[in-house]
Amino acid sequence: MVNTYQKGWRSKDKCIKEHERLDWLCDTVEKTGKFRKVKDMFGLWDIICIRKHVIKFVQITTNRPHSHVGYLSFAKQFGHPKLKLEQWVWFDRKGWVIYKYTWNKAIAREDKRK
């Protein structure tokens, strides 16, 4: 049986390593605890990445994306050219699909699968 927590952490580690390879400074923003209900930053984001004058919030999932509604709403309210909002979806044995959200309700999809 697959441990979904371990699978999620593996995906998160892969995403962080990929960002660090591209010269981003990354940190996990999840708050863990037995009695916490909200674990992600603003209830949406798993990691924050910083690179010279740009901040990126990233949500990481495995094998299926989350609904885009919350991310588009966040982008519309707080969007800025120097704020990148992305959802990275890891598909087992295939690779990443990246959804990028902008303030004008656009979703750009980048497929890095093999």
C-alpha atoms as a PDB file:
ATOM      1  CA  MET A   1       0.000   0.000   0.000  1.00  0.00           C
ATOM      2  CA  VAL A   2       1.254   3.490  -0.899  1.00  0.00           C
ATOM      3  CA  ASN A   3       1.746   6.012   1.889  1.00  0.00           C
ATOM      4  CA  THR A   4       0.184   9.196   0.452  1.00  0.00           C
ATOM      5  CA  TYR A   5       2.031  11.465   2.899  1.00  0.00           C
ATOM      6  CA  GLN A   6       5.393  10.103   1.776  1.00  0.00           C
ATOM      7  CA  LYS A   7       4.343  10.388  -1.865  1.00  0.00           C
ATOM      8  CA  GLY A   8       3.354  14.031  -1.303  1.00  0.00           C
ATOM      9  CA  TRP A   9       6.635  14.851   0.424  1.00  0.00           C
ATOM     10  CA  ARG A  10       8.577  13.206  -2.428  1.00  0.00           C
ATOM     11  CA  SER A  11       6.766  15.420  -4.942  1.00  0.00           C
ATOM     12  CA  LYS A  12       7.446  18.480  -2.803  1.00  0.00           C
ATOM     13  CA  ASP A  13      11.153  17.613  -2.559  1.00  0.00           C
ATOM     14  CA  LYS A  14      11.367  17.169  -6.352  1.00  0.00           C
ATOM     15  CA  CYS A  15       9.726  20.563  -6.892  1.00  0.00           C
ATOM     16  CA  ILE A  16      12.024  22.326  -4.433  1.00  0.00           C
ATOM     17  CA  LYS A  17      15.117  20.725  -5.995  1.00  0.00           C
ATOM     18  CA  GLU A  18      13.953  21.778  -9.478  1.00  0.00           C
ATOM     19  CA  HIS A  19      13.471  25.379  -8.314  1.00  0.00           C
ATOM     20  CA  GLU A  20      16.841  25.430  -6.542  1.00  0.00           C
ATOM     21  CA  ARG A  21      18.461  24.115  -9.737  1.00  0.00           C
ATOM     22  CA  LEU A  22      16.992  27.182 -11.477  1.00  0.00           C
ATOM     23  CA  ASP A  23      18.500  29.495  -8.787  1.00  0.00           C
ATOM     24  CA  TRP A  24      15.365  30.082  -6.710  1.00  0.00           C
ATOM     25  CA  LEU A  25      15.628  30.296  -2.918  1.00  0.00           C
ATOM     26  CA  CYS A  26      12.807  28.073  -1.590  1.00  0.00           C
ATOM     27  CA  ASP A  27      11.178  27.256   1.707  1.00  0.00           C
ATOM     28  CA  THR A  28       8.210  25.149   2.761  1.00  0.00           C
ATOM     29  CA  VAL A  29       5.375  27.146   4.289  1.00  0.00           C
ATOM     30  CA  GLU A  30       3.249  24.321   5.648  1.00  0.00           C
ATOM     31  CA  LYS A  31       2.436  24.383   9.317  1.00  0.00           C
ATOM     32  CA  THR A  32       1.941  20.904  10.670  1.00  0.00           C
ATOM     33  CA  GLY A  33       0.258  19.808  13.831  1.00  0.00           C
ATOM     34  CA  LYS A  34      -2.306  17.423  15.156  1.00  0.00           C
ATOM     35  CA  PHE A  35      -5.017  20.059  15.632  1.00  0.00           C
ATOM     36  CA  ARG A  36      -4.325  22.393  12.687  1.00  0.00           C
ATOM     37  CA  LYS A  37      -6.929  22.459   9.953  1.00  0.00           C
ATOM     38  CA  VAL A  38      -5.189  24.833   7.516  1.00  0.00           C
ATOM     39  CA  LYS A  39      -1.660  23.781   6.659  1.00  0.00           C
ATOM     40  CA  ASP A  40      -0.857  25.767   3.513  1.00  0.00           C
ATOM     41  CA  MET A  41      -0.034  29.467   3.350  1.00  0.00           C
ATOM     42  CA  PHE A  42      -3.331  31.314   2.816  1.00  0.00           C
ATOM     43  CA  GLY A  43      -4.873  27.855   2.477  1.00  0.00           C
ATOM     44  CA  LEU A  44      -3.419  27.541  -1.046  1.00  0.00           C
ATOM     45  CA  TRP A  45       0.376  27.460  -1.268  1.00  0.00           C
ATOM     46  CA  ASP A  46       2.948  24.835  -0.227  1.00  0.00           C
ATOM     47  CA  ILE A  47       6.236  26.588  -0.936  1.00  0.00           C
ATOM     48  CA  ILE A  48       7.470  30.124  -1.438  1.00  0.00           C
ATOM     49  CA  CYS A  49      10.356  30.826  -3.824  1.00  0.00           C
ATOM     50  CA  ILE A  50      12.344  34.043  -4.116  1.00  0.00           C
ATOM     51  CA  ARG A  51      14.713  35.188  -6.829  1.00  0.00           C
ATOM     52  CA  LYS A  52      15.972  38.713  -7.481  1.00  0.00           C
ATOM     53  CA  HIS A  53      12.887  40.966  -7.295  1.00  0.00           C
ATOM     54  CA  VAL A  54      10.402  38.126  -7.932  1.00  0.00           C
ATOM     55  CA  ILE A  55       8.349  36.043  -5.489  1.00  0.00           C
ATOM     56  CA  LYS A  56       6.674  32.794  -6.474  1.00  0.00           C
ATOM     57  CA  PHE A  57       3.989  30.873  -4.577  1.00  0.00           C
ATOM     58  CA  VAL A  58       3.719  27.201  -5.585  1.00  0.00           C
ATOM     59  CA  GLN A  59       1.106  24.537  -4.835  1.00  0.00           C
ATOM     60  CA  ILE A  60       2.311  20.964  -5.364  1.00  0.00           C
ATOM     61  CA  THR A  61       0.022  18.019  -6.050  1.00  0.00           C
ATOM     62  CA  THR A  62       0.460  14.468  -7.239  1.00  0.00           C
ATOM     63  CA  ASN A  63      -1.383  12.856 -10.208  1.00  0.00           C
ATOM     64  CA  ARG A  64      -4.254  15.366 -10.420  1.00  0.00           C
ATOM     65  CA  PRO A  65      -4.566  19.137 -10.195  1.00  0.00           C
ATOM     66  CA  HIS A  66      -6.656  20.990  -7.664  1.00  0.00           C
ATOM     67  CA  SER A  67      -9.551  23.151  -8.813  1.00  0.00           C
ATOM     68  CA  HIS A  68      -8.330  26.401 -10.375  1.00  0.00           C
ATOM     69  CA  VAL A  69     -11.039  28.571  -8.757  1.00  0.00           C
ATOM     70  CA  GLY A  70      -9.169  29.484  -5.550  1.00  0.00           C
ATOM     71  CA  TYR A  71      -5.930  30.176  -7.364  1.00  0.00           C
ATOM     72  CA  LEU A  72      -7.613  32.425  -9.944  1.00  0.00           C
ATOM     73  CA  SER A  73      -9.406  34.313  -7.178  1.00  0.00           C
ATOM     74  CA  PHE A  74      -6.114  34.828  -5.322  1.00  0.00           C
ATOM     75  CA  ALA A  75      -4.424  35.948  -8.559  1.00  0.00           C
ATOM     76  CA  LYS A  76      -7.212  38.415  -9.324  1.00  0.00           C
ATOM     77  CA  GLN A  77      -7.069  39.934  -5.852  1.00  0.00           C
ATOM     78  CA  PHE A  78      -3.291  40.009  -5.278  1.00  0.00           C
ATOM     79  CA  GLY A  79      -1.810  39.632  -8.782  1.00  0.00           C
ATOM     80  CA  HIS A  80       1.274  41.620  -9.666  1.00  0.00           C
ATOM     81  CA  PRO A  81       3.904  41.241 -12.408  1.00  0.00           C
ATOM     82  CA  LYS A  82       6.544  40.354  -9.792  1.00  0.00           C
ATOM     83  CA  LEU A  83       4.351  37.748  -8.088  1.00  0.00           C
ATOM     84  CA  LYS A  84       4.230  34.348  -9.795  1.00  0.00           C
ATOM     85  CA  LEU A  85       1.460  31.906  -8.855  1.00  0.00           C
ATOM     86  CA  GLU A  86       1.832  28.290  -9.987  1.00  0.00           C
ATOM     87  CA  GLN A  87       0.448  24.824  -9.381  1.00  0.00           C
ATOM     88  CA  TRP A  88       2.895  21.992 -10.080  1.00  0.00           C
ATOM     89  CA  VAL A  89       1.323  18.570 -10.639  1.00  0.00           C
ATOM     90  CA  TRP A  90       3.623  15.537 -10.580  1.00  0.00           C
ATOM     91  CA  PHE A  91       2.374  12.585 -12.638  1.00  0.00           C
ATOM     92  CA  ASP A  92       3.989   9.285 -11.616  1.00  0.00           C
ATOM     93  CA  ARG A  93       6.644   8.099 -14.071  1.00  0.00           C
ATOM     94  CA  LYS A  94       5.758  10.957 -16.448  1.00  0.00           C
ATOM     95  CA  GLY A  95       6.800  14.316 -15.000  1.00  0.00           C
ATOM     96  CA  TRP A  96       5.481  17.785 -14.219  1.00  0.00           C
ATOM     97  CA  VAL A  97       2.519  19.726 -15.558  1.00  0.00           C
ATOM     98  CA  ILE A  98       2.657  23.366 -14.451  1.00  0.00           C
ATOM     99  CA  TYR A  99      -0.342  25.716 -14.302  1.00  0.00           C
ATOM    100  CA  LYS A 100       0.499  29.436 -14.110  1.00  0.00           C
ATOM    101  CA  TYR A 101      -2.128  31.911 -12.850  1.00  0.00           C
ATOM    102  CA  THR A 102      -2.221  35.615 -13.651  1.00  0.00           C
ATOM    103  CA  TRP A 103      -4.336  38.543 -12.460  1.00  0.00           C
ATOM    104  CA  ASN A 104      -6.335  38.655 -15.719  1.00  0.00           C
ATOM    105  CA  LYS A 105      -7.791  35.151 -15.109  1.00  0.00           C
ATOM    106  CA  ALA A 106      -5.487  33.480 -17.598  1.00  0.00           C
ATOM    107  CA  ILE A 107      -4.192  29.970 -16.970  1.00  0.00           C
ATOM    108  CA  ALA A 108      -1.064  28.955 -18.831  1.00  0.00           C
ATOM    109  CA  ARG A 109      -0.290  25.236 -18.917  1.00  0.00           C
ATOM    110  CA  GLU A 110       3.248  23.952 -19.368  1.00  0.00           C
ATOM    111  CA  ASP A 111       3.651  20.215 -19.850  1.00  0.00           C
ATOM    112  CA  LYS A 112       7.072  18.813 -18.922  1.00  0.00           C
ATOM    113  CA  ARG A 113       6.036  15.163 -19.060  1.00  0.00           C
ATOM    114  CA  LYS A 114       8.198  12.690 -20.937  1.00  0.00           C
END
